[in-house]
Amino acid sequence: LNSCPMRRIAQNYVIATTTRVNLRGVKVPEHIDDRYFRRVHPKKDSRTERDIFARKEFKYVPTEQRKADQKTVDTAVMAAIKAHPEGKLIQRYLKSMFSLRTNMFPHRMKF
């Protein structure tokens, strides 16, 4: 929908809304749990004196399993959004970028 990867997000970065999408029938693969969302850290090598300052950049590349999991969950969530009575509006809302203008206070808004 908006190319957002499936990952754990801290609660203070989320804005709660009154809109509800029924996800009761969504089947999530069994292996998606807390361990699935842990960060992947590169293995540390033993360093020698000459390469102390030479750092290798670690770039995360998702595995084929994660890509398949993402596609599975996206398909199920999109089906649930399309089944919602206001599905078209929800899709447009999720695609839009959130921004505030002058005199707009998020704690006073009703979504």
Protein backbone atom coordinates (compact mmCIF):
# COMPACT_ATOMS: atom_id res chain seq x y z
CA LEU A 1 0.00 0.00 0.00
CA ASN A 2 2.56 2.58 1.09
CA SER A 3 5.75 0.50 0.82
CA CYS A 4 6.16 0.38 4.58
CA PRO A 5 8.06 -2.73 5.69
CA MET A 6 6.66 -4.97 8.39
CA ARG A 7 8.49 -4.01 11.56
CA ARG A 8 7.92 -3.15 15.18
CA ILE A 9 7.27 0.55 15.75
CA ALA A 10 7.55 2.39 19.06
CA GLN A 11 4.21 3.51 20.45
CA ASN A 12 5.21 7.18 20.63
CA TYR A 13 5.54 7.26 16.83
CA VAL A 14 1.97 6.08 16.25
CA ILE A 15 -1.19 8.18 16.17
CA ALA A 16 -4.26 6.29 17.35
CA THR A 17 -7.40 6.59 15.27
CA THR A 18 -11.04 5.68 15.76
CA THR A 19 -11.13 3.80 12.45
CA ARG A 20 -11.10 0.05 12.90
CA VAL A 21 -10.31 -2.58 10.30
CA ASN A 22 -11.38 -6.14 11.09
CA LEU A 23 -8.27 -8.34 11.00
CA ARG A 24 -9.76 -11.35 12.78
CA GLY A 25 -9.61 -13.60 9.71
CA VAL A 26 -6.03 -12.67 8.84
CA LYS A 27 -3.66 -15.63 9.04
CA VAL A 28 -0.18 -14.60 10.15
CA PRO A 29 2.59 -17.18 9.64
CA GLU A 30 3.54 -19.06 12.81
CA HIS A 31 7.20 -18.00 12.77
CA ILE A 32 6.39 -14.28 13.05
CA ASP A 33 6.89 -13.49 16.74
CA ASP A 34 9.08 -11.24 18.91
CA ARG A 35 12.30 -12.86 17.73
CA TYR A 36 11.32 -12.14 14.12
CA PHE A 37 11.47 -8.39 14.74
CA ARG A 38 14.85 -8.30 16.50
CA ARG A 39 17.59 -6.34 14.81
CA VAL A 40 20.15 -8.21 12.78
CA HIS A 41 23.65 -7.31 13.91
CA PRO A 42 26.73 -8.18 11.88
CA LYS A 43 29.17 -10.56 13.50
CA LYS A 44 32.12 -8.77 15.01
CA ASP A 45 35.55 -9.66 13.72
CA SER A 46 38.69 -9.62 15.74
CA ARG A 47 40.38 -6.37 14.80
CA THR A 48 44.00 -5.76 14.22
CA GLU A 49 45.79 -2.52 14.96
CA ARG A 50 45.81 -1.29 11.38
CA ASP A 51 42.09 -1.67 10.71
CA ILE A 52 40.78 -0.09 13.91
CA PHE A 53 39.54 2.96 12.03
CA ALA A 54 38.49 1.16 8.87
CA ARG A 55 34.86 0.29 9.37
CA LYS A 56 32.81 -1.78 7.05
CA GLU A 57 29.36 -0.42 6.47
CA PHE A 58 26.65 -2.93 7.29
CA LYS A 59 23.69 -2.67 4.97
CA TYR A 60 20.63 -4.71 5.83
CA VAL A 61 19.19 -6.69 2.94
CA PRO A 62 15.92 -8.52 3.59
CA THR A 63 15.95 -12.26 2.99
CA GLU A 64 13.63 -14.00 0.56
CA GLN A 65 11.70 -15.38 3.55
CA ARG A 66 11.03 -11.87 4.87
CA LYS A 67 9.92 -10.73 1.42
CA ALA A 68 7.49 -13.64 1.19
CA ASP A 69 6.19 -12.92 4.72
CA GLN A 70 5.68 -9.26 3.82
CA LYS A 71 3.73 -10.20 0.70
CA THR A 72 1.56 -12.67 2.64
CA VAL A 73 0.66 -10.17 5.35
CA ASP A 74 0.16 -7.31 2.86
CA THR A 75 -2.27 -9.37 0.80
CA ALA A 76 -4.35 -10.27 3.86
CA VAL A 77 -4.38 -6.71 5.24
CA MET A 78 -5.32 -5.23 1.85
CA ALA A 79 -8.21 -7.69 1.56
CA ALA A 80 -9.43 -6.58 5.01
CA ILE A 81 -9.14 -2.90 4.06
CA LYS A 82 -11.04 -3.45 0.80
CA ALA A 83 -13.81 -5.26 2.72
CA HIS A 84 -14.26 -2.23 5.01
CA PRO A 85 -17.24 0.02 4.10
CA GLU A 86 -14.88 3.00 3.76
CA GLY A 87 -12.09 1.01 2.12
CA LYS A 88 -11.31 3.52 -0.65
CA LEU A 89 -11.01 6.36 1.87
CA ILE A 90 -8.78 4.30 4.16
CA GLN A 91 -6.48 3.45 1.24
CA ARG A 92 -6.13 7.12 0.33
CA TYR A 93 -5.52 8.00 4.00
CA LEU A 94 -2.79 5.39 4.40
CA LYS A 95 -1.06 6.48 1.19
CA SER A 96 -0.95 10.14 2.20
CA MET A 97 1.91 11.65 4.17
CA PHE A 98 0.95 13.01 7.57
CA SER A 99 1.71 16.67 8.12
CA LEU A 100 0.54 19.47 10.37
CA ARG A 101 0.02 23.11 9.55
CA THR A 102 -0.22 26.15 11.78
CA ASN A 103 -2.84 25.86 14.53
CA MET A 104 -3.27 22.11 13.97
CA PHE A 105 -2.78 20.17 17.19
CA PRO A 106 -2.70 16.37 16.96
CA HIS A 107 -4.07 15.89 20.48
CA ARG A 108 -7.20 17.82 19.49
CA MET A 109 -7.78 16.03 16.18
CA LYS A 110 -10.21 13.20 15.66
CA PHE A 111 -9.13 10.71 13.03
